[in-house]
Amino acid sequence: MSISPDESLIVGSWVKIDERMTADSELQRIRSLIANELEFIATSPDGWEKLYRDRLDGRFWEKFLPHGAMQGGGPESLRVLDFKSAQKKYMLKVNV
């Protein structure tokens, strides 16, 4: 499922099924978007976040781990970053 123009945050979670933690539908969607629809641009200097660009509308999306205290940083989430913020954080060149 593609990202709609009105979305700016997609939050993934883990759910417990049969005594196992597994990705919920939003986390599965995030992983599918990263694999199929978003173009990888850069990794943050600290290595924790990754910047992607939506091939359809050009918006920048940052993959981040909102539950850093959890094992492996917890489930991923995606949020929109404006160009200026992306440029500063990821040290982007103007023509990205």
PDB file of N, CA and C in Angstrom:
ATOM      1  N   MET A   1       0.831  -1.181   0.000  1.00  0.00           N
ATOM      2  CA  MET A   1       0.000   0.000   0.000  1.00  0.00           C
ATOM      3  C   MET A   1       0.877   1.246   0.000  1.00  0.00           C
ATOM      4  N   SER A   2       0.707   2.068  -1.002  1.00  0.00           N
ATOM      5  CA  SER A   2       1.487   3.303  -1.125  1.00  0.00           C
ATOM      6  C   SER A   2       1.151   4.279  -0.002  1.00  0.00           C
ATOM      7  N   ILE A   3       2.011   5.272   0.131  1.00  0.00           N
ATOM      8  CA  ILE A   3       1.803   6.314   1.136  1.00  0.00           C
ATOM      9  C   ILE A   3       0.852   7.354   0.558  1.00  0.00           C
ATOM     10  N   SER A   4      -0.174   7.704   1.298  1.00  0.00           N
ATOM     11  CA  SER A   4      -1.102   8.721   0.819  1.00  0.00           C
ATOM     12  C   SER A   4      -0.520  10.118   1.085  1.00  0.00           C
ATOM     13  N   PRO A   5      -0.909  11.105   0.289  1.00  0.00           N
ATOM     14  CA  PRO A   5      -0.353  12.454   0.421  1.00  0.00           C
ATOM     15  C   PRO A   5      -0.608  13.103   1.781  1.00  0.00           C
ATOM     16  N   ASP A   6      -1.650  12.664   2.496  1.00  0.00           N
ATOM     17  CA  ASP A   6      -1.954  13.280   3.793  1.00  0.00           C
ATOM     18  C   ASP A   6      -1.241  12.595   4.962  1.00  0.00           C
ATOM     19  N   GLU A   7      -0.503  11.533   4.706  1.00  0.00           N
ATOM     20  CA  GLU A   7       0.227  10.853   5.783  1.00  0.00           C
ATOM     21  C   GLU A   7       1.541  11.560   6.062  1.00  0.00           C
ATOM     22  N   SER A   8       1.902  11.617   7.336  1.00  0.00           N
ATOM     23  CA  SER A   8       3.195  12.184   7.709  1.00  0.00           C
ATOM     24  C   SER A   8       3.900  11.345   8.773  1.00  0.00           C
ATOM     25  N   LEU A   9       3.208  10.326   9.295  1.00  0.00           N
ATOM     26  CA  LEU A   9       3.771   9.462  10.321  1.00  0.00           C
ATOM     27  C   LEU A   9       3.160   8.073  10.180  1.00  0.00           C
ATOM     28  N   ILE A  10       4.015   7.068  10.186  1.00  0.00           N
ATOM     29  CA  ILE A  10       3.569   5.677  10.171  1.00  0.00           C
ATOM     30  C   ILE A  10       4.300   4.988  11.316  1.00  0.00           C
ATOM     31  N   VAL A  11       3.561   4.498  12.290  1.00  0.00           N
ATOM     32  CA  VAL A  11       4.140   3.923  13.504  1.00  0.00           C
ATOM     33  C   VAL A  11       3.985   2.410  13.497  1.00  0.00           C
ATOM     34  N   GLY A  12       5.103   1.723  13.541  1.00  0.00           N
ATOM     35  CA  GLY A  12       5.094   0.264  13.613  1.00  0.00           C
ATOM     36  C   GLY A  12       5.076  -0.206  15.056  1.00  0.00           C
ATOM     37  N   SER A  13       4.557  -1.401  15.255  1.00  0.00           N
ATOM     38  CA  SER A  13       4.507  -1.997  16.599  1.00  0.00           C
ATOM     39  C   SER A  13       4.750  -3.493  16.506  1.00  0.00           C
ATOM     40  N   TRP A  14       5.066  -4.064  17.636  1.00  0.00           N
ATOM     41  CA  TRP A  14       5.140  -5.512  17.758  1.00  0.00           C
ATOM     42  C   TRP A  14       3.897  -5.972  18.492  1.00  0.00           C
ATOM     43  N   VAL A  15       3.378  -7.113  18.110  1.00  0.00           N
ATOM     44  CA  VAL A  15       2.234  -7.713  18.793  1.00  0.00           C
ATOM     45  C   VAL A  15       2.604  -9.135  19.187  1.00  0.00           C
ATOM     46  N   LYS A  16       2.002  -9.584  20.270  1.00  0.00           N
ATOM     47  CA  LYS A  16       2.282 -10.928  20.753  1.00  0.00           C
ATOM     48  C   LYS A  16       1.239 -11.883  20.184  1.00  0.00           C
ATOM     49  N   ILE A  17       1.713 -12.870  19.435  1.00  0.00           N
ATOM     50  CA  ILE A  17       0.852 -13.895  18.856  1.00  0.00           C
ATOM     51  C   ILE A  17       1.468 -15.249  19.183  1.00  0.00           C
ATOM     52  N   ASP A  18       0.696 -16.086  19.867  1.00  0.00           N
ATOM     53  CA  ASP A  18       1.185 -17.422  20.238  1.00  0.00           C
ATOM     54  C   ASP A  18       2.537 -17.355  20.946  1.00  0.00           C
ATOM     55  N   GLU A  19       2.644 -16.472  21.921  1.00  0.00           N
ATOM     56  CA  GLU A  19       3.852 -16.325  22.743  1.00  0.00           C
ATOM     57  C   GLU A  19       5.063 -15.788  21.976  1.00  0.00           C
ATOM     58  N   ARG A  20       4.852 -15.275  20.768  1.00  0.00           N
ATOM     59  CA  ARG A  20       5.944 -14.691  19.987  1.00  0.00           C
ATOM     60  C   ARG A  20       5.617 -13.257  19.638  1.00  0.00           C
ATOM     61  N   MET A  21       6.641 -12.408  19.651  1.00  0.00           N
ATOM     62  CA  MET A  21       6.469 -11.032  19.211  1.00  0.00           C
ATOM     63  C   MET A  21       6.640 -10.993  17.697  1.00  0.00           C
ATOM     64  N   THR A  22       5.695 -10.349  17.027  1.00  0.00           N
ATOM     65  CA  THR A  22       5.733 -10.264  15.576  1.00  0.00           C
ATOM     66  C   THR A  22       5.321  -8.870  15.123  1.00  0.00           C
ATOM     67  N   ALA A  23       5.655  -8.538  13.910  1.00  0.00           N
ATOM     68  CA  ALA A  23       5.351  -7.212  13.362  1.00  0.00           C
ATOM     69  C   ALA A  23       3.857  -7.054  13.128  1.00  0.00           C
ATOM     70  N   ASP A  24       3.309  -5.903  13.538  1.00  0.00           N
ATOM     71  CA  ASP A  24       1.902  -5.613  13.231  1.00  0.00           C
ATOM     72  C   ASP A  24       1.785  -5.185  11.766  1.00  0.00           C
ATOM     73  N   SER A  25       0.577  -4.905  11.319  1.00  0.00           N
ATOM     74  CA  SER A  25       0.360  -4.564   9.910  1.00  0.00           C
ATOM     75  C   SER A  25       1.083  -3.285   9.500  1.00  0.00           C
ATOM     76  N   GLU A  26       1.183  -2.306  10.392  1.00  0.00           N
ATOM     77  CA  GLU A  26       1.887  -1.068  10.052  1.00  0.00           C
ATOM     78  C   GLU A  26       3.392  -1.296   9.921  1.00  0.00           C
ATOM     79  N   LEU A  27       3.954  -2.119  10.794  1.00  0.00           N
ATOM     80  CA  LEU A  27       5.378  -2.426  10.702  1.00  0.00           C
ATOM     81  C   LEU A  27       5.664  -3.230   9.429  1.00  0.00           C
ATOM     82  N   GLN A  28       4.791  -4.143   9.092  1.00  0.00           N
ATOM     83  CA  GLN A  28       4.936  -4.882   7.831  1.00  0.00           C
ATOM     84  C   GLN A  28       4.866  -3.912   6.647  1.00  0.00           C
ATOM     85  N   ARG A  29       3.963  -2.959   6.738  1.00  0.00           N
ATOM     86  CA  ARG A  29       3.826  -1.953   5.675  1.00  0.00           C
ATOM     87  C   ARG A  29       5.091  -1.108   5.543  1.00  0.00           C
ATOM     88  N   ILE A  30       5.642  -0.669   6.675  1.00  0.00           N
ATOM     89  CA  ILE A  30       6.879   0.112   6.674  1.00  0.00           C
ATOM     90  C   ILE A  30       7.982  -0.656   5.963  1.00  0.00           C
ATOM     91  N   ARG A  31       8.133  -1.914   6.306  1.00  0.00           N
ATOM     92  CA  ARG A  31       9.182  -2.741   5.705  1.00  0.00           C
ATOM     93  C   ARG A  31       8.947  -2.926   4.209  1.00  0.00           C
ATOM     94  N   SER A  32       7.702  -3.068   3.812  1.00  0.00           N
ATOM     95  CA  SER A  32       7.369  -3.195   2.388  1.00  0.00           C
ATOM     96  C   SER A  32       7.654  -1.889   1.646  1.00  0.00           C
ATOM     97  N   LEU A  33       7.293  -0.757   2.247  1.00  0.00           N
ATOM     98  CA  LEU A  33       7.565   0.546   1.635  1.00  0.00           C
ATOM     99  C   LEU A  33       9.065   0.742   1.418  1.00  0.00           C
ATOM    100  N   ILE A  34       9.852   0.399   2.422  1.00  0.00           N
ATOM    101  CA  ILE A  34      11.307   0.553   2.324  1.00  0.00           C
ATOM    102  C   ILE A  34      11.869  -0.350   1.233  1.00  0.00           C
ATOM    103  N   ALA A  35      11.352  -1.558   1.138  1.00  0.00           N
ATOM    104  CA  ALA A  35      11.855  -2.511   0.148  1.00  0.00           C
ATOM    105  C   ALA A  35      11.413  -2.194  -1.278  1.00  0.00           C
ATOM    106  N   ASN A  36      10.224  -1.583  -1.424  1.00  0.00           N
ATOM    107  CA  ASN A  36       9.640  -1.478  -2.757  1.00  0.00           C
ATOM    108  C   ASN A  36       9.346  -0.076  -3.279  1.00  0.00           C
ATOM    109  N   GLU A  37       9.138   0.892  -2.401  1.00  0.00           N
ATOM    110  CA  GLU A  37       8.665   2.193  -2.871  1.00  0.00           C
ATOM    111  C   GLU A  37       9.532   3.378  -2.484  1.00  0.00           C
ATOM    112  N   LEU A  38      10.325   3.230  -1.445  1.00  0.00           N
ATOM    113  CA  LEU A  38      11.157   4.345  -0.995  1.00  0.00           C
ATOM    114  C   LEU A  38      12.592   4.139  -1.456  1.00  0.00           C
ATOM    115  N   GLU A  39      13.226   5.228  -1.849  1.00  0.00           N
ATOM    116  CA  GLU A  39      14.618   5.201  -2.291  1.00  0.00           C
ATOM    117  C   GLU A  39      15.513   5.597  -1.121  1.00  0.00           C
ATOM    118  N   PHE A  40      16.480   4.743  -0.780  1.00  0.00           N
ATOM    119  CA  PHE A  40      17.423   5.053   0.293  1.00  0.00           C
ATOM    120  C   PHE A  40      18.293   6.225  -0.128  1.00  0.00           C
ATOM    121  N   ILE A  41      18.452   7.197   0.794  1.00  0.00           N
ATOM    122  CA  ILE A  41      19.268   8.383   0.527  1.00  0.00           C
ATOM    123  C   ILE A  41      20.517   8.419   1.412  1.00  0.00           C
ATOM    124  N   ALA A  42      20.341   8.250   2.735  1.00  0.00           N
ATOM    125  CA  ALA A  42      21.487   8.403   3.635  1.00  0.00           C
ATOM    126  C   ALA A  42      21.179   7.806   5.005  1.00  0.00           C
ATOM    127  N   THR A  43      22.250   7.604   5.766  1.00  0.00           N
ATOM    128  CA  THR A  43      22.162   7.179   7.160  1.00  0.00           C
ATOM    129  C   THR A  43      22.614   8.348   8.023  1.00  0.00           C
ATOM    130  N   SER A  44      21.955   8.554   9.158  1.00  0.00           N
ATOM    131  CA  SER A  44      22.333   9.649  10.056  1.00  0.00           C
ATOM    132  C   SER A  44      23.751   9.442  10.578  1.00  0.00           C
ATOM    133  N   PRO A  45      24.420  10.512  10.978  1.00  0.00           N
ATOM    134  CA  PRO A  45      25.791  10.392  11.477  1.00  0.00           C
ATOM    135  C   PRO A  45      25.933   9.416  12.649  1.00  0.00           C
ATOM    136  N   ASP A  46      24.907   9.304  13.481  1.00  0.00           N
ATOM    137  CA  ASP A  46      24.999   8.369  14.607  1.00  0.00           C
ATOM    138  C   ASP A  46      24.604   6.942  14.225  1.00  0.00           C
ATOM    139  N   GLY A  47      24.116   6.748  13.000  1.00  0.00           N
ATOM    140  CA  GLY A  47      23.785   5.423  12.508  1.00  0.00           C
ATOM    141  C   GLY A  47      22.419   4.890  12.891  1.00  0.00           C
ATOM    142  N   TRP A  48      21.630   5.648  13.651  1.00  0.00           N
ATOM    143  CA  TRP A  48      20.351   5.146  14.144  1.00  0.00           C
ATOM    144  C   TRP A  48      19.183   5.399  13.196  1.00  0.00           C
ATOM    145  N   GLU A  49      19.223   6.470  12.429  1.00  0.00           N
ATOM    146  CA  GLU A  49      18.114   6.772  11.516  1.00  0.00           C
ATOM    147  C   GLU A  49      18.583   6.656  10.073  1.00  0.00           C
ATOM    148  N   LYS A  50      17.604   6.425   9.199  1.00  0.00           N
ATOM    149  CA  LYS A  50      17.885   6.350   7.772  1.00  0.00           C
ATOM    150  C   LYS A  50      16.899   7.240   7.034  1.00  0.00           C
ATOM    151  N   LEU A  51      17.382   7.893   5.992  1.00  0.00           N
ATOM    152  CA  LEU A  51      16.566   8.804   5.199  1.00  0.00           C
ATOM    153  C   LEU A  51      16.227   8.161   3.858  1.00  0.00           C
ATOM    154  N   TYR A  52      14.964   8.275   3.491  1.00  0.00           N
ATOM    155  CA  TYR A  52      14.466   7.745   2.226  1.00  0.00           C
ATOM    156  C   TYR A  52      13.692   8.843   1.506  1.00  0.00           C
ATOM    157  N   ARG A  53      13.500   8.642   0.188  1.00  0.00           N
ATOM    158  CA  ARG A  53      12.670   9.561  -0.584  1.00  0.00           C
ATOM    159  C   ARG A  53      11.567   8.740  -1.254  1.00  0.00           C
ATOM    160  N   ASP A  54      10.355   9.244  -1.171  1.00  0.00           N
ATOM    161  CA  ASP A  54       9.222   8.610  -1.839  1.00  0.00           C
ATOM    162  C   ASP A  54       9.382   8.840  -3.333  1.00  0.00           C
ATOM    163  N   ARG A  55       9.436   7.764  -4.091  1.00  0.00           N
ATOM    164  CA  ARG A  55       9.629   7.871  -5.545  1.00  0.00           C
ATOM    165  C   ARG A  55       8.434   8.523  -6.229  1.00  0.00           C
ATOM    166  N   LEU A  56       7.261   8.465  -5.605  1.00  0.00           N
ATOM    167  CA  LEU A  56       6.064   9.021  -6.229  1.00  0.00           C
ATOM    168  C   LEU A  56       5.922  10.524  -6.033  1.00  0.00           C
ATOM    169  N   ASP A  57       6.129  11.016  -4.811  1.00  0.00           N
ATOM    170  CA  ASP A  57       5.893  12.445  -4.573  1.00  0.00           C
ATOM    171  C   ASP A  57       7.137  13.228  -4.137  1.00  0.00           C
ATOM    172  N   GLY A  58       8.267  12.554  -3.979  1.00  0.00           N
ATOM    173  CA  GLY A  58       9.518  13.236  -3.663  1.00  0.00           C
ATOM    174  C   GLY A  58       9.720  13.604  -2.210  1.00  0.00           C
ATOM    175  N   ARG A  59       8.726  13.313  -1.355  1.00  0.00           N
ATOM    176  CA  ARG A  59       8.896  13.658   0.061  1.00  0.00           C
ATOM    177  C   ARG A  59       9.982  12.795   0.701  1.00  0.00           C
ATOM    178  N   PHE A  60      10.655  13.391   1.691  1.00  0.00           N
ATOM    179  CA  PHE A  60      11.649  12.667   2.464  1.00  0.00           C
ATOM    180  C   PHE A  60      10.977  11.994   3.654  1.00  0.00           C
ATOM    181  N   TRP A  61      11.357  10.740   3.896  1.00  0.00           N
ATOM    182  CA  TRP A  61      10.857   9.958   5.024  1.00  0.00           C
ATOM    183  C   TRP A  61      12.045   9.459   5.826  1.00  0.00           C
ATOM    184  N   GLU A  62      11.945   9.611   7.143  1.00  0.00           N
ATOM    185  CA  GLU A  62      13.004   9.155   8.027  1.00  0.00           C
ATOM    186  C   GLU A  62      12.528   7.924   8.782  1.00  0.00           C
ATOM    187  N   LYS A  63      13.309   6.846   8.697  1.00  0.00           N
ATOM    188  CA  LYS A  63      13.036   5.661   9.511  1.00  0.00           C
ATOM    189  C   LYS A  63      13.728   5.869  10.851  1.00  0.00           C
ATOM    190  N   PHE A  64      12.967   5.766  11.918  1.00  0.00           N
ATOM    191  CA  PHE A  64      13.533   5.977  13.249  1.00  0.00           C
ATOM    192  C   PHE A  64      13.000   4.918  14.206  1.00  0.00           C
ATOM    193  N   LEU A  65      13.639   4.819  15.348  1.00  0.00           N
ATOM    194  CA  LEU A  65      13.298   3.817  16.355  1.00  0.00           C
ATOM    195  C   LEU A  65      12.828   4.551  17.613  1.00  0.00           C
ATOM    196  N   PRO A  66      11.509   4.723  17.774  1.00  0.00           N
ATOM    197  CA  PRO A  66      11.004   5.526  18.887  1.00  0.00           C
ATOM    198  C   PRO A  66      11.125   4.867  20.262  1.00  0.00           C
ATOM    199  N   HIS A  67      11.478   3.594  20.282  1.00  0.00           N
ATOM    200  CA  HIS A  67      11.586   2.874  21.555  1.00  0.00           C
ATOM    201  C   HIS A  67      13.010   2.377  21.743  1.00  0.00           C
ATOM    202  N   GLY A  68      13.952   3.298  21.749  1.00  0.00           N
ATOM    203  CA  GLY A  68      15.370   2.975  21.794  1.00  0.00           C
ATOM    204  C   GLY A  68      15.794   2.071  22.927  1.00  0.00           C
ATOM    205  N   ALA A  69      15.055   2.038  24.025  1.00  0.00           N
ATOM    206  CA  ALA A  69      15.425   1.191  25.157  1.00  0.00           C
ATOM    207  C   ALA A  69      15.064  -0.268  24.921  1.00  0.00           C
ATOM    208  N   MET A  70      14.245  -0.540  23.918  1.00  0.00           N
ATOM    209  CA  MET A  70      13.849  -1.916  23.621  1.00  0.00           C
ATOM    210  C   MET A  70      14.954  -2.637  22.856  1.00  0.00           C
ATOM    211  N   GLN A  71      14.904  -3.960  22.874  1.00  0.00           N
ATOM    212  CA  GLN A  71      15.853  -4.794  22.136  1.00  0.00           C
ATOM    213  C   GLN A  71      15.958  -4.338  20.682  1.00  0.00           C
ATOM    214  N   GLY A  72      17.152  -4.047  20.215  1.00  0.00           N
ATOM    215  CA  GLY A  72      17.364  -3.639  18.836  1.00  0.00           C
ATOM    216  C   GLY A  72      16.760  -2.298  18.480  1.00  0.00           C
ATOM    217  N   GLY A  73      16.347  -1.527  19.472  1.00  0.00           N
ATOM    218  CA  GLY A  73      15.736  -0.225  19.220  1.00  0.00           C
ATOM    219  C   GLY A  73      14.234  -0.287  19.065  1.00  0.00           C
ATOM    220  N   GLY A  74      13.671  -1.491  19.105  1.00  0.00           N
ATOM    221  CA  GLY A  74      12.222  -1.629  18.982  1.00  0.00           C
ATOM    222  C   GLY A  74      11.770  -1.561  17.540  1.00  0.00           C
ATOM    223  N   PRO A  75      10.458  -1.524  17.333  1.00  0.00           N
ATOM    224  CA  PRO A  75       9.914  -1.497  15.974  1.00  0.00           C
ATOM    225  C   PRO A  75      10.164  -0.149  15.298  1.00  0.00           C
ATOM    226  N   GLU A  76      10.347  -0.204  13.984  1.00  0.00           N
ATOM    227  CA  GLU A  76      10.603   1.002  13.209  1.00  0.00           C
ATOM    228  C   GLU A  76       9.334   1.822  13.013  1.00  0.00           C
ATOM    229  N   SER A  77       9.547   3.104  12.787  1.00  0.00           N
ATOM    230  CA  SER A  77       8.484   4.017  12.390  1.00  0.00           C
ATOM    231  C   SER A  77       9.043   4.905  11.280  1.00  0.00           C
ATOM    232  N   LEU A  78       8.166   5.544  10.533  1.00  0.00           N
ATOM    233  CA  LEU A  78       8.555   6.479   9.484  1.00  0.00           C
ATOM    234  C   LEU A  78       7.890   7.823   9.730  1.00  0.00           C
ATOM    235  N   ARG A  79       8.627   8.907   9.510  1.00  0.00           N
ATOM    236  CA  ARG A  79       8.055  10.251   9.599  1.00  0.00           C
ATOM    237  C   ARG A  79       8.597  11.099   8.454  1.00  0.00           C
ATOM    238  N   VAL A  80       7.775  12.052   8.040  1.00  0.00           N
ATOM    239  CA  VAL A  80       8.180  12.979   6.990  1.00  0.00           C
ATOM    240  C   VAL A  80       9.184  13.979   7.560  1.00  0.00           C
ATOM    241  N   LEU A  81      10.195  14.288   6.757  1.00  0.00           N
ATOM    242  CA  LEU A  81      11.138  15.358   7.087  1.00  0.00           C
ATOM    243  C   LEU A  81      11.121  16.357   5.938  1.00  0.00           C
ATOM    244  N   ASP A  82      11.056  17.631   6.274  1.00  0.00           N
ATOM    245  CA  ASP A  82      11.148  18.633   5.213  1.00  0.00           C
ATOM    246  C   ASP A  82      12.594  18.675   4.704  1.00  0.00           C
ATOM    247  N   PHE A  83      12.765  19.223   3.510  1.00  0.00           N
ATOM    248  CA  PHE A  83      14.090  19.210   2.885  1.00  0.00           C
ATOM    249  C   PHE A  83      15.148  19.882   3.748  1.00  0.00           C
ATOM    250  N   LYS A  84      14.826  21.015   4.319  1.00  0.00           N
ATOM    251  CA  LYS A  84      15.810  21.758   5.119  1.00  0.00           C
ATOM    252  C   LYS A  84      16.295  20.928   6.311  1.00  0.00           C
ATOM    253  N   SER A  85      15.367  20.268   7.005  1.00  0.00           N
ATOM    254  CA  SER A  85      15.742  19.413   8.137  1.00  0.00           C
ATOM    255  C   SER A  85      16.563  18.219   7.673  1.00  0.00           C
ATOM    256  N   ALA A  86      16.154  17.608   6.565  1.00  0.00           N
ATOM    257  CA  ALA A  86      16.889  16.462   6.018  1.00  0.00           C
ATOM    258  C   ALA A  86      18.294  16.884   5.589  1.00  0.00           C
ATOM    259  N   GLN A  87      18.376  18.038   4.943  1.00  0.00           N
ATOM    260  CA  GLN A  87      19.661  18.547   4.468  1.00  0.00           C
ATOM    261  C   GLN A  87      20.621  18.769   5.633  1.00  0.00           C
ATOM    262  N   LYS A  88      20.124  19.361   6.696  1.00  0.00           N
ATOM    263  CA  LYS A  88      20.970  19.647   7.857  1.00  0.00           C
ATOM    264  C   LYS A  88      21.387  18.365   8.574  1.00  0.00           C
ATOM    265  N   LYS A  89      20.425  17.502   8.878  1.00  0.00           N
ATOM    266  CA  LYS A  89      20.714  16.299   9.654  1.00  0.00           C
ATOM    267  C   LYS A  89      21.575  15.307   8.891  1.00  0.00           C
ATOM    268  N   TYR A  90      21.301  15.146   7.594  1.00  0.00           N
ATOM    269  CA  TYR A  90      21.981  14.141   6.792  1.00  0.00           C
ATOM    270  C   TYR A  90      23.062  14.730   5.891  1.00  0.00           C
ATOM    271  N   MET A  91      23.341  16.025   6.041  1.00  0.00           N
ATOM    272  CA  MET A  91      24.386  16.719   5.291  1.00  0.00           C
ATOM    273  C   MET A  91      24.229  16.505   3.788  1.00  0.00           C
ATOM    274  N   LEU A  92      23.013  16.733   3.298  1.00  0.00           N
ATOM    275  CA  LEU A  92      22.692  16.509   1.888  1.00  0.00           C
ATOM    276  C   LEU A  92      23.198  17.650   1.023  1.00  0.00           C
ATOM    277  N   LYS A  93      23.518  17.296  -0.190  1.00  0.00           N
ATOM    278  CA  LYS A  93      23.865  18.300  -1.189  1.00  0.00           C
ATOM    279  C   LYS A  93      22.544  18.864  -1.720  1.00  0.00           C
ATOM    280  N   VAL A  94      22.563  20.022  -2.296  1.00  0.00           N
ATOM    281  CA  VAL A  94      21.358  20.704  -2.774  1.00  0.00           C
ATOM    282  C   VAL A  94      20.640  19.893  -3.839  1.00  0.00           C
ATOM    283  N   ASN A  95      21.342  19.163  -4.696  1.00  0.00           N
ATOM    284  CA  ASN A  95      20.711  18.489  -5.816  1.00  0.00           C
ATOM    285  C   ASN A  95      20.234  17.065  -5.523  1.00  0.00           C
ATOM    286  N   VAL A  96      19.967  16.728  -4.301  1.00  0.00           N
ATOM    287  CA  VAL A  96      19.504  15.373  -3.963  1.00  0.00           C
ATOM    288  C   VAL A  96      18.102  15.164  -4.472  1.00  0.00           C
TER     289      VAL A  96
END
